[in-house]
């Protein structure tokens, strides 16, 4: 189980986000694609979290909370 949550949205960041959103989306797409194809650091296990990193919710969040749980069945 894993996830990303925020505690509170920053309303003052909304105008800045709309100004910078095209650049964030454009470069984020190519960075994620490079990580998947070239470096192979993104797989099915973490693709959901990586995809949400540049979401509106995460970019407007005041504090980002990461929720993770180690699977007890899998050996280290």
N, C-alpha and C. Protein backbone atom coordinates (compact mmCIF):
# COMPACT_ATOMS: atom_id res chain seq x y z
N UNK A 1 0.84 -1.17 0.00
CA UNK A 1 0.00 0.00 0.00
C UNK A 1 0.89 1.24 0.00
N UNK A 2 0.59 2.17 -0.84
CA UNK A 2 1.33 3.43 -0.87
C UNK A 2 0.42 4.51 -1.43
N UNK A 3 0.80 5.73 -1.16
CA UNK A 3 -0.02 6.83 -1.66
C UNK A 3 0.61 8.16 -1.37
N UNK A 4 0.02 9.19 -1.93
CA UNK A 4 0.45 10.56 -1.72
C UNK A 4 -0.77 11.37 -1.32
N UNK A 5 -0.63 12.17 -0.30
CA UNK A 5 -1.70 13.04 0.16
C UNK A 5 -1.11 14.40 0.48
N UNK A 6 -1.98 15.40 0.59
CA UNK A 6 -1.55 16.73 1.00
C UNK A 6 -2.36 17.13 2.23
N UNK A 7 -1.82 18.06 3.01
CA UNK A 7 -2.56 18.50 4.18
C UNK A 7 -3.49 19.66 3.84
N UNK A 8 -3.05 20.57 2.98
CA UNK A 8 -3.85 21.74 2.65
C UNK A 8 -3.37 22.31 1.33
N UNK A 9 -4.29 22.79 0.51
CA UNK A 9 -3.91 23.42 -0.76
C UNK A 9 -3.52 24.88 -0.53
N UNK A 10 -2.58 25.34 -1.31
CA UNK A 10 -2.15 26.73 -1.25
C UNK A 10 -2.90 27.51 -2.32
N UNK A 11 -3.81 28.34 -1.92
CA UNK A 11 -4.58 29.12 -2.90
C UNK A 11 -3.71 30.15 -3.61
N UNK A 12 -2.69 30.63 -2.93
CA UNK A 12 -1.82 31.65 -3.55
C UNK A 12 -0.99 31.08 -4.69
N UNK A 13 -0.86 29.75 -4.76
CA UNK A 13 -0.07 29.12 -5.81
C UNK A 13 -0.86 28.88 -7.09
N UNK A 14 -2.16 29.02 -7.06
CA UNK A 14 -3.00 28.71 -8.23
C UNK A 14 -2.65 29.57 -9.44
N UNK A 15 -2.51 30.90 -9.33
CA UNK A 15 -2.14 31.68 -10.52
C UNK A 15 -0.77 31.30 -11.09
N UNK A 16 0.17 31.01 -10.22
CA UNK A 16 1.51 30.60 -10.67
C UNK A 16 1.46 29.26 -11.37
N UNK A 17 0.64 28.37 -10.85
CA UNK A 17 0.54 27.04 -11.46
C UNK A 17 -0.03 27.14 -12.87
N UNK A 18 -1.05 27.94 -13.08
CA UNK A 18 -1.60 28.06 -14.42
C UNK A 18 -0.61 28.69 -15.39
N UNK A 19 0.25 29.53 -14.88
CA UNK A 19 1.30 30.12 -15.71
C UNK A 19 2.35 29.08 -16.11
N UNK A 20 2.75 28.25 -15.17
CA UNK A 20 3.84 27.29 -15.40
C UNK A 20 3.37 25.90 -15.80
N UNK A 21 2.08 25.62 -15.74
CA UNK A 21 1.57 24.27 -16.02
C UNK A 21 2.01 23.70 -17.38
N UNK A 22 1.96 24.47 -18.48
CA UNK A 22 2.38 23.88 -19.76
C UNK A 22 3.84 23.38 -19.74
N UNK A 23 4.72 24.12 -19.11
CA UNK A 23 6.13 23.70 -19.02
C UNK A 23 6.28 22.47 -18.14
N UNK A 24 5.58 22.45 -17.02
CA UNK A 24 5.66 21.31 -16.11
C UNK A 24 5.15 20.05 -16.79
N UNK A 25 4.03 20.15 -17.47
CA UNK A 25 3.45 18.98 -18.15
C UNK A 25 4.35 18.51 -19.29
N UNK A 26 4.87 19.43 -20.07
CA UNK A 26 5.71 19.08 -21.22
C UNK A 26 7.00 18.38 -20.78
N UNK A 27 7.74 19.02 -19.89
CA UNK A 27 9.01 18.43 -19.46
C UNK A 27 8.81 17.22 -18.56
N UNK A 28 7.74 17.19 -17.79
CA UNK A 28 7.44 16.04 -16.95
C UNK A 28 7.15 14.79 -17.77
N UNK A 29 6.45 14.97 -18.90
CA UNK A 29 6.16 13.84 -19.78
C UNK A 29 7.45 13.20 -20.29
N UNK A 30 8.37 14.03 -20.77
CA UNK A 30 9.62 13.49 -21.32
C UNK A 30 10.54 12.93 -20.23
N UNK A 31 10.53 13.53 -19.06
CA UNK A 31 11.34 13.00 -17.96
C UNK A 31 10.84 11.63 -17.52
N UNK A 32 9.51 11.49 -17.40
CA UNK A 32 8.94 10.19 -17.02
C UNK A 32 9.22 9.14 -18.08
N UNK A 33 9.10 9.52 -19.34
CA UNK A 33 9.36 8.58 -20.43
C UNK A 33 10.82 8.12 -20.42
N UNK A 34 11.75 9.06 -20.15
CA UNK A 34 13.17 8.71 -20.09
C UNK A 34 13.45 7.77 -18.92
N UNK A 35 12.82 8.01 -17.78
CA UNK A 35 13.02 7.14 -16.62
C UNK A 35 12.50 5.72 -16.89
N UNK A 36 11.40 5.63 -17.63
CA UNK A 36 10.84 4.31 -17.95
C UNK A 36 11.70 3.58 -18.96
N UNK A 37 12.06 4.25 -20.04
CA UNK A 37 12.76 3.59 -21.14
C UNK A 37 14.27 3.44 -20.94
N UNK A 38 14.93 4.51 -20.52
CA UNK A 38 16.39 4.49 -20.45
C UNK A 38 16.91 3.96 -19.12
N UNK A 39 16.43 4.52 -18.02
CA UNK A 39 16.97 4.16 -16.72
C UNK A 39 16.23 3.02 -16.04
N UNK A 40 15.02 2.74 -16.49
CA UNK A 40 14.19 1.66 -15.95
C UNK A 40 13.98 1.77 -14.44
N UNK A 41 13.84 3.00 -13.95
CA UNK A 41 13.59 3.22 -12.53
C UNK A 41 12.09 3.29 -12.21
N UNK A 42 11.27 3.37 -13.24
CA UNK A 42 9.81 3.41 -13.06
C UNK A 42 9.24 2.12 -13.63
N UNK A 43 8.50 1.40 -12.79
CA UNK A 43 7.85 0.17 -13.23
C UNK A 43 6.41 0.17 -12.74
N UNK A 44 5.74 -0.96 -12.85
CA UNK A 44 4.32 -1.02 -12.46
C UNK A 44 4.14 -0.78 -10.96
N UNK A 45 5.15 -1.07 -10.17
CA UNK A 45 5.04 -0.89 -8.73
C UNK A 45 5.00 0.56 -8.29
N UNK A 46 5.68 1.44 -9.02
CA UNK A 46 5.73 2.85 -8.61
C UNK A 46 5.19 3.81 -9.67
N UNK A 47 4.64 3.31 -10.75
CA UNK A 47 4.12 4.16 -11.82
C UNK A 47 2.98 5.06 -11.34
N UNK A 48 2.14 4.56 -10.47
CA UNK A 48 1.03 5.36 -9.96
C UNK A 48 1.50 6.58 -9.19
N UNK A 49 2.50 6.40 -8.35
CA UNK A 49 3.03 7.53 -7.58
C UNK A 49 3.77 8.49 -8.49
N UNK A 50 4.56 7.98 -9.41
CA UNK A 50 5.31 8.84 -10.33
C UNK A 50 4.34 9.65 -11.19
N UNK A 51 3.26 9.06 -11.62
CA UNK A 51 2.28 9.76 -12.45
C UNK A 51 1.59 10.88 -11.69
N UNK A 52 1.41 10.70 -10.38
CA UNK A 52 0.73 11.72 -9.57
C UNK A 52 1.66 12.83 -9.08
N UNK A 53 2.96 12.70 -9.29
CA UNK A 53 3.90 13.70 -8.77
C UNK A 53 3.64 15.08 -9.34
N UNK A 54 3.27 15.20 -10.58
CA UNK A 54 3.02 16.50 -11.20
C UNK A 54 1.53 16.78 -11.36
N UNK A 55 0.71 16.19 -10.53
CA UNK A 55 -0.72 16.45 -10.59
C UNK A 55 -1.02 17.80 -9.93
N UNK A 56 -2.17 18.36 -10.24
CA UNK A 56 -2.57 19.64 -9.66
C UNK A 56 -2.58 19.57 -8.13
N UNK A 57 -3.08 18.47 -7.62
CA UNK A 57 -3.17 18.30 -6.17
C UNK A 57 -1.78 18.37 -5.52
N UNK A 58 -0.82 17.67 -6.08
CA UNK A 58 0.53 17.67 -5.50
C UNK A 58 1.23 19.01 -5.68
N UNK A 59 1.04 19.64 -6.80
CA UNK A 59 1.71 20.91 -7.05
C UNK A 59 1.13 22.05 -6.21
N UNK A 60 -0.11 21.92 -5.80
CA UNK A 60 -0.74 22.96 -4.98
C UNK A 60 -0.68 22.65 -3.49
N UNK A 61 -0.17 21.48 -3.13
CA UNK A 61 -0.14 21.08 -1.73
C UNK A 61 0.86 21.86 -0.91
N UNK A 62 0.48 22.18 0.31
CA UNK A 62 1.38 22.87 1.22
C UNK A 62 2.41 21.90 1.78
N UNK A 63 1.95 20.74 2.22
CA UNK A 63 2.82 19.68 2.72
C UNK A 63 2.37 18.38 2.07
N UNK A 64 3.31 17.63 1.52
CA UNK A 64 3.00 16.34 0.88
C UNK A 64 3.33 15.23 1.87
N UNK A 65 2.38 14.34 2.06
CA UNK A 65 2.53 13.22 2.97
C UNK A 65 2.63 11.95 2.14
N UNK A 66 3.69 11.19 2.33
CA UNK A 66 3.90 9.93 1.61
C UNK A 66 3.48 8.79 2.52
N UNK A 67 2.65 7.91 2.01
CA UNK A 67 2.17 6.76 2.76
C UNK A 67 2.74 5.51 2.10
N UNK A 68 3.48 4.71 2.88
CA UNK A 68 4.11 3.50 2.32
C UNK A 68 4.04 2.37 3.34
N UNK A 69 3.94 1.17 2.82
CA UNK A 69 3.93 -0.01 3.68
C UNK A 69 4.77 -1.09 3.00
N UNK A 70 5.67 -1.65 3.76
CA UNK A 70 6.51 -2.73 3.24
C UNK A 70 5.70 -4.01 3.23
N UNK A 71 5.79 -4.74 2.14
CA UNK A 71 5.09 -6.01 2.00
C UNK A 71 5.83 -7.06 2.82
N UNK A 72 5.19 -7.63 3.82
CA UNK A 72 5.83 -8.59 4.70
C UNK A 72 6.11 -9.92 4.01
N UNK A 73 5.40 -10.24 2.94
CA UNK A 73 5.56 -11.51 2.26
C UNK A 73 6.80 -11.57 1.40
N UNK A 74 7.31 -10.41 0.96
CA UNK A 74 8.46 -10.39 0.07
C UNK A 74 9.75 -10.28 0.87
N UNK A 75 10.73 -11.15 0.57
CA UNK A 75 12.03 -11.05 1.26
C UNK A 75 12.81 -9.84 0.74
N UNK A 76 13.70 -9.33 1.55
CA UNK A 76 14.49 -8.16 1.17
C UNK A 76 15.57 -8.51 0.25
